[in-house]
Amino acid sequence: MKKYTIKSTSSEGIYYLVNHWEKHKTFWIEKEKLKNDMLFKTIGYAERSLKHLLEIMEDYKNDKFEVVEISL
């Protein structure tokens, strides 16, 4: 099954948006630490999560974002 996340590129590095962040206690994680339950089922869910995050954490607005498909 295809799974998705948002890749964030900034001066601090490359990180991936975590689904169920409250469970995993982080918003962003390195690719090698990603687990299947941290990914989104659809592109829309990933984009919606990023939109909500940017509404409360404006310091990420200058990062470059792209949707990526990941299979673990």
Protein backbone atom coordinates (compact mmCIF):
# COMPACT_ATOMS: atom_id res chain seq x y z
CA MET A 1 0.00 0.00 0.00
CA LYS A 2 1.23 3.48 -0.87
CA LYS A 3 1.94 5.84 2.02
CA TYR A 4 2.86 9.50 1.95
CA THR A 5 4.51 12.23 3.95
CA ILE A 6 5.81 15.76 3.49
CA LYS A 7 9.52 16.28 2.98
CA SER A 8 10.82 19.54 4.46
CA THR A 9 14.13 20.97 3.31
CA SER A 10 15.66 23.85 5.26
CA SER A 11 19.01 25.14 6.41
CA GLU A 12 18.70 22.73 9.35
CA GLY A 13 18.45 19.67 7.10
CA ILE A 14 15.85 17.35 5.57
CA TYR A 15 13.02 16.09 7.73
CA TYR A 16 9.72 14.27 7.20
CA LEU A 17 6.33 15.15 8.67
CA VAL A 18 5.03 12.64 11.21
CA ASN A 19 1.40 11.49 11.25
CA HIS A 20 -0.04 11.01 14.75
CA TRP A 21 2.56 13.44 16.11
CA GLU A 22 0.94 13.46 19.54
CA LYS A 23 1.52 9.68 19.80
CA HIS A 24 5.11 9.92 18.53
CA LYS A 25 5.83 13.20 20.37
CA THR A 26 7.45 14.86 17.35
CA PHE A 27 6.35 16.77 14.25
CA TRP A 28 9.43 16.07 12.12
CA ILE A 29 11.82 13.12 11.90
CA GLU A 30 14.80 11.94 9.85
CA LYS A 31 14.00 9.49 7.03
CA GLU A 32 15.90 6.59 8.58
CA LYS A 33 13.77 6.84 11.75
CA LEU A 34 10.40 6.81 9.93
CA LYS A 35 8.04 3.94 10.74
CA ASN A 36 4.98 2.80 8.81
CA ASP A 37 2.51 4.18 11.37
CA MET A 38 4.10 7.65 11.03
CA LEU A 39 2.99 7.94 7.39
CA PHE A 40 -0.24 9.24 5.86
CA LYS A 41 -2.71 7.12 3.87
CA THR A 42 -3.35 9.85 1.29
CA ILE A 43 -1.66 12.91 -0.12
CA GLY A 44 -4.62 14.99 1.07
CA TYR A 45 -4.15 13.93 4.70
CA ALA A 46 -0.45 14.82 4.53
CA GLU A 47 -1.16 18.24 2.99
CA ARG A 48 -3.90 18.98 5.53
CA SER A 49 -1.59 18.10 8.40
CA LEU A 50 1.10 20.42 7.05
CA LYS A 51 -1.44 23.23 6.63
CA HIS A 52 -2.54 22.89 10.27
CA LEU A 53 1.05 22.76 11.49
CA LEU A 54 1.98 25.93 9.59
CA GLU A 55 -0.98 27.74 11.15
CA ILE A 56 0.51 27.26 14.62
CA MET A 57 4.25 27.13 13.84
CA GLU A 58 5.06 29.92 11.43
CA ASP A 59 8.83 29.43 11.73
CA TYR A 60 8.55 26.55 9.20
CA LYS A 61 6.97 28.72 6.48
CA ASN A 62 10.31 29.41 4.77
CA ASP A 63 11.12 25.71 4.34
CA LYS A 64 10.70 23.97 0.99
CA PHE A 65 8.00 21.29 1.09
CA GLU A 66 7.15 18.43 -1.22
CA VAL A 67 4.85 15.43 -0.98
CA VAL A 68 6.75 12.15 -1.18
CA GLU A 69 5.59 8.55 -1.52
CA ILE A 70 7.36 6.19 0.86
CA SER A 71 7.32 2.45 1.14
CA LEU A 72 8.88 0.85 4.20
